Amino acid sequence: MEQFLRDHLEKVIPLTNAEFDFVLAQFTRQRFKKHQFLIQAGEPAKHAYFVVTGLLKLVYTDAAGKAHIVSFALEDWWESDFQAYYTQTPATLSLECLEDTEVFCLSLEAYHRLCAGLPQMAHFLLQKSILGSIAAQQRILSLLTTNARERYEQLVRQRPALLQRVSKALLASYLGVSRETLSRFSA
């Protein structure tokens, strides 16, 4: 598990053994079972999570009780309700395991220690934040400018692993279509 994290970090920044030991000391490791929540709407978002194994879904539930899937997080991804995490306000999103999942957890205090104690980690975390913002903008633009079939084809091209690991009902929700519509696309 530790080597997986180190490999992930070293795609962006080099680390000595002592630096990696410092980084590792800022994280906690946790395992969650399928259907467990890492974050529930209305509660604090105490951590940002780096996924080692498993699959998560980030969900917004509207006032009518309809769940909207914001994102899926597979291995080698970071996920949280980042607004709640950084502002230390109650979460508006829920983060749930779709599979048994192992994560590294980073509290906001530990995040600040990492950035203060190791400037290259500030660079790494900024890079991840920028990439996350770009992905979010691309998703919004896709929802605004493409039709359902185009969104499905884009998903097939960009994230084919999801098709094997996520139910058609969840994929349909993520794409903003009915399950029947999705079935027509994938037939």
N, C-alpha and C. Protein backbone atom coordinates (compact mmCIF):
# COMPACT_ATOMS: atom_id res chain seq x y z
N MET A 1 0.82 -1.20 0.00
CA MET A 1 0.00 0.00 0.00
C MET A 1 0.87 1.26 0.00
N GLU A 2 1.90 1.25 0.82
CA GLU A 2 2.78 2.41 0.90
C GLU A 2 3.48 2.65 -0.43
N GLN A 3 3.92 1.58 -1.09
CA GLN A 3 4.62 1.74 -2.37
C GLN A 3 3.68 2.31 -3.42
N PHE A 4 2.42 1.93 -3.38
CA PHE A 4 1.44 2.46 -4.33
C PHE A 4 1.33 3.97 -4.18
N LEU A 5 1.26 4.44 -2.92
CA LEU A 5 1.21 5.88 -2.67
C LEU A 5 2.50 6.54 -3.15
N ARG A 6 3.62 5.96 -2.81
CA ARG A 6 4.90 6.56 -3.22
C ARG A 6 5.00 6.65 -4.74
N ASP A 7 4.63 5.58 -5.44
CA ASP A 7 4.66 5.60 -6.90
C ASP A 7 3.76 6.71 -7.45
N HIS A 8 2.60 6.88 -6.84
CA HIS A 8 1.66 7.92 -7.25
C HIS A 8 2.29 9.31 -7.08
N LEU A 9 2.88 9.55 -5.94
CA LEU A 9 3.50 10.85 -5.67
C LEU A 9 4.67 11.11 -6.61
N GLU A 10 5.46 10.07 -6.83
CA GLU A 10 6.68 10.24 -7.62
C GLU A 10 6.43 10.35 -9.12
N LYS A 11 5.18 10.23 -9.54
CA LYS A 11 4.85 10.58 -10.92
C LYS A 11 4.98 12.09 -11.13
N VAL A 12 4.91 12.84 -10.02
CA VAL A 12 4.95 14.30 -10.09
C VAL A 12 6.19 14.88 -9.41
N ILE A 13 6.57 14.33 -8.25
CA ILE A 13 7.69 14.88 -7.49
C ILE A 13 8.62 13.76 -7.02
N PRO A 14 9.93 13.99 -7.03
CA PRO A 14 10.84 12.99 -6.45
C PRO A 14 10.84 13.12 -4.93
N LEU A 15 11.03 12.00 -4.24
CA LEU A 15 11.08 12.00 -2.77
C LEU A 15 12.23 11.12 -2.30
N THR A 16 12.95 11.61 -1.31
CA THR A 16 13.93 10.77 -0.64
C THR A 16 13.17 9.84 0.30
N ASN A 17 13.85 8.84 0.84
CA ASN A 17 13.20 7.95 1.81
C ASN A 17 12.73 8.72 3.04
N ALA A 18 13.55 9.65 3.53
CA ALA A 18 13.18 10.45 4.70
C ALA A 18 11.96 11.32 4.40
N GLU A 19 11.93 11.91 3.21
CA GLU A 19 10.77 12.73 2.83
C GLU A 19 9.51 11.88 2.73
N PHE A 20 9.64 10.70 2.13
CA PHE A 20 8.47 9.84 2.02
C PHE A 20 8.00 9.38 3.41
N ASP A 21 8.91 9.11 4.31
CA ASP A 21 8.53 8.76 5.68
C ASP A 21 7.73 9.89 6.33
N PHE A 22 8.15 11.13 6.10
CA PHE A 22 7.41 12.28 6.62
C PHE A 22 6.01 12.33 6.00
N VAL A 23 5.94 12.15 4.68
CA VAL A 23 4.65 12.15 3.98
C VAL A 23 3.75 11.06 4.55
N LEU A 24 4.28 9.87 4.64
CA LEU A 24 3.49 8.72 5.10
C LEU A 24 2.95 8.93 6.51
N ALA A 25 3.73 9.61 7.34
CA ALA A 25 3.31 9.86 8.72
C ALA A 25 2.10 10.79 8.80
N GLN A 26 1.81 11.52 7.72
CA GLN A 26 0.68 12.45 7.73
C GLN A 26 -0.64 11.76 7.35
N PHE A 27 -0.54 10.57 6.83
CA PHE A 27 -1.73 9.84 6.39
C PHE A 27 -2.13 8.77 7.41
N THR A 28 -3.42 8.45 7.41
CA THR A 28 -3.89 7.24 8.08
C THR A 28 -4.43 6.34 6.97
N ARG A 29 -4.47 5.04 7.26
CA ARG A 29 -5.01 4.08 6.30
C ARG A 29 -6.31 3.54 6.86
N GLN A 30 -7.26 3.34 5.97
CA GLN A 30 -8.53 2.76 6.39
C GLN A 30 -9.06 1.84 5.32
N ARG A 31 -9.83 0.87 5.77
CA ARG A 31 -10.55 -0.03 4.88
C ARG A 31 -12.04 0.17 5.13
N PHE A 32 -12.78 0.14 4.06
CA PHE A 32 -14.23 0.29 4.14
C PHE A 32 -14.87 -0.84 3.34
N LYS A 33 -16.02 -1.26 3.78
CA LYS A 33 -16.79 -2.30 3.09
C LYS A 33 -17.72 -1.67 2.06
N LYS A 34 -18.10 -2.47 1.10
CA LYS A 34 -19.08 -2.05 0.10
C LYS A 34 -20.30 -1.47 0.81
N HIS A 35 -20.80 -0.34 0.34
CA HIS A 35 -21.96 0.39 0.86
C HIS A 35 -21.65 1.25 2.09
N GLN A 36 -20.44 1.20 2.62
CA GLN A 36 -20.09 2.09 3.73
C GLN A 36 -19.87 3.50 3.19
N PHE A 37 -20.17 4.48 4.04
CA PHE A 37 -19.95 5.87 3.69
C PHE A 37 -18.65 6.37 4.31
N LEU A 38 -17.87 7.07 3.51
CA LEU A 38 -16.69 7.77 4.01
C LEU A 38 -17.09 9.17 4.45
N ILE A 39 -18.05 9.74 3.73
CA ILE A 39 -18.62 11.06 4.04
C ILE A 39 -20.12 10.96 3.85
N GLN A 40 -20.88 11.58 4.77
CA GLN A 40 -22.32 11.68 4.60
C GLN A 40 -22.71 13.15 4.59
N ALA A 41 -23.62 13.51 3.69
CA ALA A 41 -24.09 14.89 3.59
C ALA A 41 -24.57 15.35 4.97
N GLY A 42 -24.22 16.57 5.31
CA GLY A 42 -24.60 17.15 6.60
C GLY A 42 -23.57 16.94 7.69
N GLU A 43 -22.66 16.02 7.48
CA GLU A 43 -21.60 15.73 8.45
C GLU A 43 -20.29 16.38 7.98
N PRO A 44 -19.30 16.47 8.85
CA PRO A 44 -18.01 17.03 8.41
C PRO A 44 -17.32 16.12 7.40
N ALA A 45 -16.59 16.73 6.50
CA ALA A 45 -15.72 15.99 5.58
C ALA A 45 -14.32 16.08 6.18
N LYS A 46 -13.97 15.11 7.00
CA LYS A 46 -12.74 15.19 7.79
C LYS A 46 -11.48 14.89 7.00
N HIS A 47 -11.63 14.22 5.84
CA HIS A 47 -10.46 13.78 5.10
C HIS A 47 -10.64 13.96 3.59
N ALA A 48 -9.50 14.07 2.94
CA ALA A 48 -9.42 13.81 1.50
C ALA A 48 -8.89 12.38 1.42
N TYR A 49 -9.36 11.64 0.43
CA TYR A 49 -9.03 10.22 0.33
C TYR A 49 -8.28 9.92 -0.96
N PHE A 50 -7.22 9.14 -0.83
CA PHE A 50 -6.51 8.60 -1.98
C PHE A 50 -6.86 7.13 -2.06
N VAL A 51 -7.45 6.71 -3.18
CA VAL A 51 -7.95 5.35 -3.33
C VAL A 51 -6.81 4.41 -3.75
N VAL A 52 -6.56 3.40 -2.92
CA VAL A 52 -5.56 2.38 -3.22
C VAL A 52 -6.21 1.21 -3.94
N THR A 53 -7.30 0.72 -3.40
CA THR A 53 -8.10 -0.32 -4.06
C THR A 53 -9.57 0.01 -3.84
N GLY A 54 -10.38 -0.38 -4.79
CA GLY A 54 -11.81 -0.19 -4.62
C GLY A 54 -12.37 0.87 -5.54
N LEU A 55 -13.60 1.23 -5.25
CA LEU A 55 -14.36 2.16 -6.10
C LEU A 55 -15.34 2.93 -5.23
N LEU A 56 -15.36 4.25 -5.41
CA LEU A 56 -16.23 5.14 -4.65
C LEU A 56 -17.14 5.91 -5.59
N LYS A 57 -18.27 6.35 -5.06
CA LYS A 57 -19.11 7.29 -5.82
C LYS A 57 -19.39 8.50 -4.94
N LEU A 58 -19.30 9.67 -5.55
CA LEU A 58 -19.60 10.94 -4.89
C LEU A 58 -20.97 11.37 -5.37
N VAL A 59 -21.89 11.61 -4.42
CA VAL A 59 -23.29 11.81 -4.76
C VAL A 59 -23.84 13.08 -4.10
N TYR A 60 -24.64 13.81 -4.87
CA TYR A 60 -25.42 14.92 -4.34
C TYR A 60 -26.88 14.49 -4.35
N THR A 61 -27.55 14.62 -3.23
CA THR A 61 -28.97 14.29 -3.14
C THR A 61 -29.75 15.59 -3.04
N ASP A 62 -30.64 15.82 -4.00
CA ASP A 62 -31.38 17.09 -4.03
C ASP A 62 -32.53 17.09 -3.03
N ALA A 63 -33.23 18.21 -2.93
CA ALA A 63 -34.30 18.38 -1.95
C ALA A 63 -35.44 17.39 -2.14
N ALA A 64 -35.61 16.92 -3.37
CA ALA A 64 -36.66 15.93 -3.66
C ALA A 64 -36.21 14.51 -3.36
N GLY A 65 -34.95 14.35 -2.93
CA GLY A 65 -34.45 13.03 -2.60
C GLY A 65 -33.81 12.29 -3.77
N LYS A 66 -33.67 12.95 -4.91
CA LYS A 66 -33.05 12.31 -6.08
C LYS A 66 -31.53 12.41 -5.96
N ALA A 67 -30.87 11.27 -6.14
CA ALA A 67 -29.41 11.20 -6.07
C ALA A 67 -28.81 11.50 -7.43
N HIS A 68 -27.80 12.38 -7.44
CA HIS A 68 -27.08 12.74 -8.65
C HIS A 68 -25.61 12.36 -8.45
N ILE A 69 -25.10 11.48 -9.30
CA ILE A 69 -23.72 11.05 -9.16
C ILE A 69 -22.80 12.11 -9.77
N VAL A 70 -21.95 12.66 -8.92
CA VAL A 70 -21.02 13.70 -9.33
C VAL A 70 -19.79 13.06 -9.97
N SER A 71 -19.29 11.99 -9.34
CA SER A 71 -18.09 11.34 -9.88
C SER A 71 -17.94 9.94 -9.32
N PHE A 72 -17.08 9.19 -9.98
CA PHE A 72 -16.62 7.89 -9.50
C PHE A 72 -15.13 8.02 -9.26
N ALA A 73 -14.63 7.38 -8.22
CA ALA A 73 -13.20 7.40 -7.92
C ALA A 73 -12.68 5.97 -7.86
N LEU A 74 -11.79 5.66 -8.78
CA LEU A 74 -11.13 4.35 -8.85
C LEU A 74 -9.76 4.44 -8.19
N GLU A 75 -9.03 3.36 -8.27
CA GLU A 75 -7.66 3.34 -7.77
C GLU A 75 -6.86 4.47 -8.40
N ASP A 76 -5.96 5.05 -7.58
CA ASP A 76 -5.06 6.11 -8.03
C ASP A 76 -5.78 7.45 -8.19
N TRP A 77 -6.93 7.60 -7.52
CA TRP A 77 -7.70 8.85 -7.57
C TRP A 77 -7.79 9.43 -6.17
N TRP A 78 -7.96 10.74 -6.11
CA TRP A 78 -8.25 11.47 -4.88
C TRP A 78 -9.71 11.86 -4.92
N GLU A 79 -10.38 11.78 -3.75
CA GLU A 79 -11.79 12.19 -3.71
C GLU A 79 -12.16 12.68 -2.33
N SER A 80 -13.11 13.60 -2.30
CA SER A 80 -13.71 14.12 -1.07
C SER A 80 -14.82 15.07 -1.48
N ASP A 81 -15.54 15.60 -0.52
CA ASP A 81 -16.37 16.78 -0.74
C ASP A 81 -15.40 17.91 -0.46
N PHE A 82 -14.69 18.36 -1.48
CA PHE A 82 -13.58 19.27 -1.27
C PHE A 82 -14.01 20.63 -0.72
N GLN A 83 -15.19 21.09 -1.07
CA GLN A 83 -15.66 22.35 -0.49
C GLN A 83 -15.78 22.21 1.03
N ALA A 84 -16.42 21.14 1.47
CA ALA A 84 -16.59 20.91 2.91
C ALA A 84 -15.25 20.66 3.59
N TYR A 85 -14.36 19.94 2.93
CA TYR A 85 -13.05 19.62 3.47
C TYR A 85 -12.23 20.89 3.71
N TYR A 86 -12.10 21.71 2.67
CA TYR A 86 -11.25 22.90 2.79
C TYR A 86 -11.87 24.01 3.64
N THR A 87 -13.19 24.11 3.65
CA THR A 87 -13.84 25.18 4.42
C THR A 87 -14.29 24.71 5.80
N GLN A 88 -14.15 23.40 6.05
CA GLN A 88 -14.56 22.81 7.33
C GLN A 88 -16.01 23.14 7.65
N THR A 89 -16.86 22.98 6.64
CA THR A 89 -18.31 23.14 6.78
C THR A 89 -18.97 21.79 6.52
N PRO A 90 -20.24 21.63 6.89
CA PRO A 90 -20.90 20.33 6.65
C PRO A 90 -20.91 19.96 5.17
N ALA A 91 -20.74 18.69 4.92
CA ALA A 91 -20.71 18.18 3.55
C ALA A 91 -22.07 18.34 2.88
N THR A 92 -22.05 18.66 1.60
CA THR A 92 -23.27 18.65 0.79
C THR A 92 -23.31 17.40 -0.08
N LEU A 93 -22.19 16.69 -0.12
CA LEU A 93 -22.07 15.48 -0.92
C LEU A 93 -21.82 14.28 0.00
N SER A 94 -22.17 13.11 -0.48
CA SER A 94 -21.88 11.86 0.23
C SER A 94 -20.89 11.06 -0.59
N LEU A 95 -19.99 10.36 0.09
CA LEU A 95 -19.00 9.51 -0.57
C LEU A 95 -19.19 8.09 -0.08
N GLU A 96 -19.55 7.19 -0.99
CA GLU A 96 -19.93 5.82 -0.64
C GLU A 96 -19.09 4.81 -1.41
N CYS A 97 -18.80 3.70 -0.76
CA CYS A 97 -18.06 2.60 -1.40
C CYS A 97 -18.99 1.77 -2.29
N LEU A 98 -18.58 1.56 -3.51
CA LEU A 98 -19.28 0.64 -4.40
C LEU A 98 -18.64 -0.74 -4.37
N GLU A 99 -17.44 -0.80 -3.82
CA GLU A 99 -16.70 -2.05 -3.61
C GLU A 99 -15.98 -1.92 -2.28
N ASP A 100 -15.52 -3.03 -1.73
CA ASP A 100 -14.62 -2.93 -0.59
C ASP A 100 -13.45 -2.05 -1.04
N THR A 101 -13.05 -1.13 -0.17
CA THR A 101 -12.11 -0.09 -0.58
C THR A 101 -11.06 0.15 0.49
N GLU A 102 -9.82 0.38 0.04
CA GLU A 102 -8.73 0.79 0.93
C GLU A 102 -8.28 2.17 0.49
N VAL A 103 -8.12 3.05 1.47
CA VAL A 103 -7.73 4.42 1.17
C VAL A 103 -6.66 4.92 2.13
N PHE A 104 -5.93 5.91 1.68
CA PHE A 104 -5.12 6.74 2.55
C PHE A 104 -5.94 7.99 2.84
N CYS A 105 -6.02 8.37 4.10
CA CYS A 105 -6.82 9.51 4.54
C CYS A 105 -5.90 10.65 4.93
N LEU A 106 -6.22 11.85 4.47
CA LEU A 106 -5.42 13.03 4.78
C LEU A 106 -6.32 14.08 5.40
N SER A 107 -6.12 14.35 6.70
CA SER A 107 -6.89 15.39 7.37
C SER A 107 -6.41 16.76 6.89
N LEU A 108 -7.20 17.79 7.12
CA LEU A 108 -6.80 19.14 6.72
C LEU A 108 -5.57 19.60 7.51
N GLU A 109 -5.50 19.24 8.77
CA GLU A 109 -4.31 19.58 9.57
C GLU A 109 -3.07 18.93 8.96
N ALA A 110 -3.17 17.66 8.60
CA ALA A 110 -2.04 16.95 8.00
C ALA A 110 -1.70 17.54 6.63
N TYR A 111 -2.71 17.95 5.90
CA TYR A 111 -2.49 18.61 4.61
C TYR A 111 -1.61 19.84 4.81
N HIS A 112 -1.95 20.66 5.81
CA HIS A 112 -1.17 21.87 6.08
C HIS A 112 0.24 21.54 6.55
N ARG A 113 0.38 20.49 7.35
CA ARG A 113 1.73 20.06 7.78
C ARG A 113 2.57 19.63 6.57
N LEU A 114 1.95 18.88 5.66
CA LEU A 114 2.65 18.45 4.46
C LEU A 114 3.14 19.64 3.64
N CYS A 115 2.25 20.60 3.42
CA CYS A 115 2.60 21.76 2.60
C CYS A 115 3.67 22.61 3.27
N ALA A 116 3.60 22.76 4.59
CA ALA A 116 4.59 23.56 5.31
C ALA A 116 5.92 22.83 5.42
N GLY A 117 5.87 21.53 5.63
CA GLY A 117 7.08 20.77 5.89
C GLY A 117 7.80 20.29 4.65
N LEU A 118 7.10 20.25 3.54
CA LEU A 118 7.70 19.71 2.32
C LEU A 118 7.10 20.47 1.12
N PRO A 119 7.76 21.56 0.71
CA PRO A 119 7.19 22.40 -0.36
C PRO A 119 6.83 21.64 -1.63
N GLN A 120 7.57 20.59 -1.96
CA GLN A 120 7.22 19.84 -3.17
C GLN A 120 5.87 19.13 -3.02
N MET A 121 5.46 18.83 -1.78
CA MET A 121 4.12 18.25 -1.59
C MET A 121 3.05 19.30 -1.85
N ALA A 122 3.33 20.56 -1.52
CA ALA A 122 2.40 21.64 -1.87
C ALA A 122 2.23 21.69 -3.38
N HIS A 123 3.35 21.54 -4.11
CA HIS A 123 3.30 21.51 -5.57
C HIS A 123 2.48 20.31 -6.05
N PHE A 124 2.74 19.14 -5.48
CA PHE A 124 2.00 17.93 -5.87
C PHE A 124 0.49 18.12 -5.65
N LEU A 125 0.12 18.59 -4.47
CA LEU A 125 -1.30 18.74 -4.14
C LEU A 125 -1.95 19.82 -5.01
N LEU A 126 -1.21 20.87 -5.35
CA LEU A 126 -1.73 21.88 -6.25
C LEU A 126 -1.97 21.27 -7.63
N GLN A 127 -1.03 20.47 -8.12
CA GLN A 127 -1.20 19.80 -9.42
C GLN A 127 -2.45 18.93 -9.42
N LYS A 128 -2.66 18.17 -8.37
CA LYS A 128 -3.84 17.30 -8.29
C LYS A 128 -5.11 18.14 -8.25
N SER A 129 -5.08 19.25 -7.53
CA SER A 129 -6.23 20.13 -7.46
C SER A 129 -6.55 20.73 -8.83
N ILE A 130 -5.53 21.16 -9.53
CA ILE A 130 -5.72 21.73 -10.87
C ILE A 130 -6.31 20.69 -11.81
N LEU A 131 -5.76 19.47 -11.79
CA LEU A 131 -6.29 18.42 -12.65
C LEU A 131 -7.73 18.09 -12.30
N GLY A 132 -8.07 18.10 -11.01
CA GLY A 132 -9.45 17.86 -10.59
C GLY A 132 -10.38 18.95 -11.08
N SER A 133 -9.93 20.20 -11.03
CA SER A 133 -10.75 21.32 -11.52
C SER A 133 -10.97 21.22 -13.02
N ILE A 134 -9.93 20.85 -13.74
CA ILE A 134 -10.06 20.68 -15.20
C ILE A 134 -11.06 19.58 -15.51
N ALA A 135 -10.96 18.46 -14.81
CA ALA A 135 -11.89 17.35 -15.04
C ALA A 135 -13.33 17.76 -14.73
N ALA A 136 -13.51 18.52 -13.65
CA ALA A 136 -14.86 18.97 -13.29
C ALA A 136 -15.42 19.91 -14.37
N GLN A 137 -14.59 20.81 -14.87
CA GLN A 137 -15.05 21.71 -15.94
C GLN A 137 -15.40 20.92 -17.20
N GLN A 138 -14.58 19.94 -17.53
CA GLN A 138 -14.88 19.12 -18.72
C GLN A 138 -16.19 18.38 -18.55
N ARG A 139 -16.44 17.86 -17.35
CA ARG A 139 -17.71 17.15 -17.11
C ARG A 139 -18.89 18.11 -17.24
N ILE A 140 -18.78 19.29 -16.67
CA ILE A 140 -19.86 20.28 -16.78
C ILE A 140 -20.11 20.64 -18.24
N LEU A 141 -19.03 20.92 -18.97
CA LEU A 141 -19.19 21.25 -20.39
C LEU A 141 -19.81 20.10 -21.17
N SER A 142 -19.42 18.89 -20.85
CA SER A 142 -19.99 17.73 -21.52
C SER A 142 -21.50 17.65 -21.25
N LEU A 143 -21.90 17.87 -20.01
CA LEU A 143 -23.32 17.82 -19.68
C LEU A 143 -24.10 18.94 -20.37
N LEU A 144 -23.44 20.08 -20.59
CA LEU A 144 -24.11 21.23 -21.21
C LEU A 144 -24.14 21.16 -22.73
N THR A 145 -23.14 20.53 -23.33
CA THR A 145 -22.99 20.67 -24.79
C THR A 145 -23.11 19.38 -25.59
N THR A 146 -23.20 18.23 -24.93
CA THR A 146 -23.29 16.98 -25.69
C THR A 146 -24.59 16.27 -25.37
N ASN A 147 -25.01 15.44 -26.29
CA ASN A 147 -26.21 14.65 -26.04
C ASN A 147 -25.84 13.38 -25.28
N ALA A 148 -26.83 12.65 -24.88
CA ALA A 148 -26.62 11.47 -24.04
C ALA A 148 -25.72 10.43 -24.72
N ARG A 149 -25.93 10.19 -25.99
CA ARG A 149 -25.09 9.20 -26.70
C ARG A 149 -23.63 9.65 -26.72
N GLU A 150 -23.40 10.91 -26.98
CA GLU A 150 -22.03 11.43 -27.00
C GLU A 150 -21.37 11.31 -25.63
N ARG A 151 -22.13 11.57 -24.57
CA ARG A 151 -21.59 11.42 -23.20
C ARG A 151 -21.24 9.97 -22.93
N TYR A 152 -22.08 9.04 -23.38
CA TYR A 152 -21.79 7.61 -23.20
C TYR A 152 -20.52 7.23 -23.97
N GLU A 153 -20.41 7.64 -25.22
CA GLU A 153 -19.23 7.31 -26.03
C GLU A 153 -17.96 7.91 -25.42
N GLN A 154 -18.08 9.09 -24.87
CA GLN A 154 -16.94 9.73 -24.19
C GLN A 154 -16.53 8.91 -22.97
N LEU A 155 -17.49 8.44 -22.22
CA LEU A 155 -17.21 7.60 -21.05
C LEU A 155 -16.52 6.30 -21.47
N VAL A 156 -16.99 5.69 -22.52
CA VAL A 156 -16.39 4.45 -23.02
C VAL A 156 -14.92 4.68 -23.39
N ARG A 157 -14.66 5.81 -24.04
CA ARG A 157 -13.27 6.14 -24.45
C ARG A 157 -12.39 6.49 -23.25
N GLN A 158 -12.89 7.30 -22.34
CA GLN A 158 -12.05 7.85 -21.27
C GLN A 158 -11.97 6.97 -20.03
N ARG A 159 -13.02 6.23 -19.73
CA ARG A 159 -13.03 5.46 -18.49
C ARG A 159 -13.66 4.09 -18.70
N PRO A 160 -13.11 3.27 -19.59
CA PRO A 160 -13.72 1.98 -19.92
C PRO A 160 -13.83 1.04 -18.72
N ALA A 161 -12.95 1.16 -17.73
CA ALA A 161 -13.00 0.27 -16.56
C ALA A 161 -14.32 0.43 -15.80
N LEU A 162 -14.90 1.62 -15.85
CA LEU A 162 -16.17 1.82 -15.14
C LEU A 162 -17.27 0.92 -15.69
N LEU A 163 -17.25 0.67 -16.98
CA LEU A 163 -18.31 -0.15 -17.60
C LEU A 163 -18.35 -1.55 -17.02
N GLN A 164 -17.20 -2.06 -16.58
CA GLN A 164 -17.12 -3.40 -16.01
C GLN A 164 -17.42 -3.41 -14.51
N ARG A 165 -17.28 -2.27 -13.85
CA ARG A 165 -17.34 -2.24 -12.39
C ARG A 165 -18.57 -1.53 -11.81
N VAL A 166 -19.31 -0.84 -12.65
CA VAL A 166 -20.44 -0.04 -12.17
C VAL A 166 -21.71 -0.53 -12.85
N SER A 167 -22.79 -0.63 -12.09
CA SER A 167 -24.07 -1.09 -12.66
C SER A 167 -24.58 -0.11 -13.70
N LYS A 168 -25.42 -0.63 -14.60
CA LYS A 168 -26.01 0.22 -15.62
C LYS A 168 -26.86 1.33 -15.00
N ALA A 169 -27.51 1.04 -13.90
CA ALA A 169 -28.33 2.07 -13.24
C ALA A 169 -27.47 3.23 -12.76
N LEU A 170 -26.31 2.93 -12.17
CA LEU A 170 -25.42 3.99 -11.71
C LEU A 170 -24.78 4.74 -12.87
N LEU A 171 -24.40 4.01 -13.90
CA LEU A 171 -23.84 4.69 -15.08
C LEU A 171 -24.87 5.62 -15.71
N ALA A 172 -26.10 5.16 -15.79
CA ALA A 172 -27.17 5.99 -16.34
C ALA A 172 -27.35 7.26 -15.51
N SER A 173 -27.34 7.12 -14.21
CA SER A 173 -27.46 8.28 -13.33
C SER A 173 -26.30 9.26 -13.56
N TYR A 174 -25.11 8.74 -13.65
CA TYR A 174 -23.92 9.56 -13.89
C TYR A 174 -24.02 10.33 -15.21
N LEU A 175 -24.55 9.66 -16.23
CA LEU A 175 -24.67 10.27 -17.56
C LEU A 175 -25.91 11.14 -17.71
N GLY A 176 -26.82 11.06 -16.74
CA GLY A 176 -28.04 11.86 -16.80
C GLY A 176 -29.07 11.32 -17.77
N VAL A 177 -29.12 9.98 -17.88
CA VAL A 177 -30.08 9.32 -18.77
C VAL A 177 -30.81 8.22 -18.00
N SER A 178 -31.85 7.70 -18.59
CA SER A 178 -32.54 6.56 -17.99
C SER A 178 -31.74 5.29 -18.24
N ARG A 179 -32.01 4.27 -17.46
CA ARG A 179 -31.33 2.99 -17.65
C ARG A 179 -31.66 2.39 -19.01
N GLU A 180 -32.92 2.59 -19.45
CA GLU A 180 -33.35 2.07 -20.74
C GLU A 180 -32.56 2.73 -21.88
N THR A 181 -32.37 4.04 -21.76
CA THR A 181 -31.61 4.78 -22.79
C THR A 181 -30.18 4.25 -22.83
N LEU A 182 -29.59 4.07 -21.67
CA LEU A 182 -28.23 3.56 -21.61
C LEU A 182 -28.14 2.17 -22.24
N SER A 183 -29.14 1.33 -21.98
CA SER A 183 -29.15 -0.01 -22.56
C SER A 183 -29.18 0.04 -24.08
N ARG A 184 -29.88 1.00 -24.65
CA ARG A 184 -29.91 1.15 -26.12
C ARG A 184 -28.53 1.52 -26.64
N PHE A 185 -27.80 2.37 -25.91
CA PHE A 185 -26.48 2.79 -26.36
C PHE A 185 -25.50 1.64 -26.31
N SER A 186 -25.61 0.81 -25.30
CA SER A 186 -24.61 -0.25 -25.09
C SER A 186 -24.97 -1.55 -25.79
N ALA A 187 -26.10 -1.56 -26.49
CA ALA A 187 -26.52 -2.80 -27.18
C ALA A 187 -25.76 -3.00 -28.46
